[in-house]
Amino acid sequence: METNRVNVVRIIAGLMLASALAGILWRLDKSEISGVAGTAVESAKPSTDAQSAQNGSITGEPVQATASTSTSTAKIEASPFLRELAAALESIEAEPNILEREKKLQGLAEGIATSDIALVVEFLNERGSKKVVRYLTLRLIHRWAGSDPQTVADWLDQNAGSPLRREALNSVAAGWANKDLATAIEWARQFTDGEERGSTLITVAYEAARTEPVEALQLAAEMPQNQTRDDLVTHAVNQWATRDPKAALEWANESVDEGLRERLLADIVTTWAENNPMEAATVAVRRVNPGKQQDDAVVGVVQRWVQTDPEQAAAWVNAFPDSKLRETAIEALVKLWSDSDVTKAGDWVNSIVSGTSGDVAVGAYVEKVAIQHPEIAAQWAAQIRNDTLREQQMENLGELWLSNDPVAARAWITQSGLAEATKSRLLASRSN
């Protein structure tokens, strides 16, 4: 068995860096957790061979932990397998380069066989509160919870004082919800500690929202009304809207307070527009009350519609009565359409140049073409009828043009219709 063991140091050196772990390590760097319990704990899986814990492998042969036998520190340190693990941890702790430390920790975490995780977690639980120990413990508990959440939950009950308990409970909640949602909900509800119950229910609900959004919303109804609950409701409704926007819309209309309702309706409309922008557009103008939420909904529809049928989106926007909403929609349409077809977008802008909306359309178009074609942008900017908006767009164009082509820009500024004070300021800002 010993000859089949893969050396831990070789595992560490061979595995590639996982950048996703940087965030976890950063959080651990900021945490001042101390005092992991030093008592021996019961391990997770029964075994008839006590010697198996002495001769296992980190990536090869499994080490079977026992549920009925207390593992002392002396026995753990007597195991060649665990001695290698301890040496690997010491090497990682001594690594001064954070990127190399992440790489080695990732290698070590991935290299430990699933069947060995219970024993290793027990071992780590006796080694104090160093960052690498905490990181590895949480990473392994997350893996363990994905395969056997009940055993991890039992282990956490035996280690109620662990400073890693809250994060570990959330790992159990996520793993259990993905394996058996009903049991996960029952388990989360049994906590008497209010914070632990709320935290685990939130985690279960977020996992449920991916496949069972209605179940997630029922869990949200058990929680106190606050921002955390509202964020969960919004997430679940958005997930629901990807599959059945009409059902999500009717639920939102009937089940939440007015403030949250408007936010949900706007989100549903935006999600709906991914597959059916025309229906979403109708809902946006008929079901969402005027104001910021309606503006957001309309812009969301335009952003998605213009990617598939910009002419139809433009016709919808152009049918709006003169209003701030029309101007907002036109600005979004022109900027997005110009990204894909600057010529057609310009032709459409040219067809609505009259009125305030026309000025908004021209201004949006000027902003999009100014970088690559400042001379064309200058001609468009001169068509803006509103004096304030025209001056603003021309000044912005002058500043941008000076950065890219000062000679041509200075020539244009000199003969432009800008106010003399604006000309002087722009010309003074750059030398030949």
Foldseek 3Di string as FASTA:
>chain_A
DQVPADQLVVLLVPFDFDVVCVVVLVVLVVDPDWDQDQAWAAFQFQDPDPCLLQRAYQADRARAGHRPDTDDLVNQCNRPRSVSVVVLVVVLVPDPDPRSSRSSLVSSLVSGDLNHLRVVLSNLSNVIRDSSSLSSNLSSLLVNLLVCLVSSVVRCVVRVPGPCSLSSLLSNLLNCLVVPLVVSLVVLCPDPPPVSSVSSLLSSLLNCLQPPLVVSLVSLVVDDDDPSSLVSNLSSLLNVLLPPLVVSLVCLVPPDDPVSSLQSLLSSLLSNLLPPLVVSCVCLVPPHDDDDSSLSSLLSSLLNCCVPPLVVNLVSLVPDDDDPSSLSNLLSSLLNNCVPPLVVSVVSLVVPCDDPSSLSNLLSSLVNCLQPCVVVSLVSLVSRPDPVSSLVSLLVSLQNCCVPPVVVSLVCLVPDPHDPVSNVVSDVVDDD
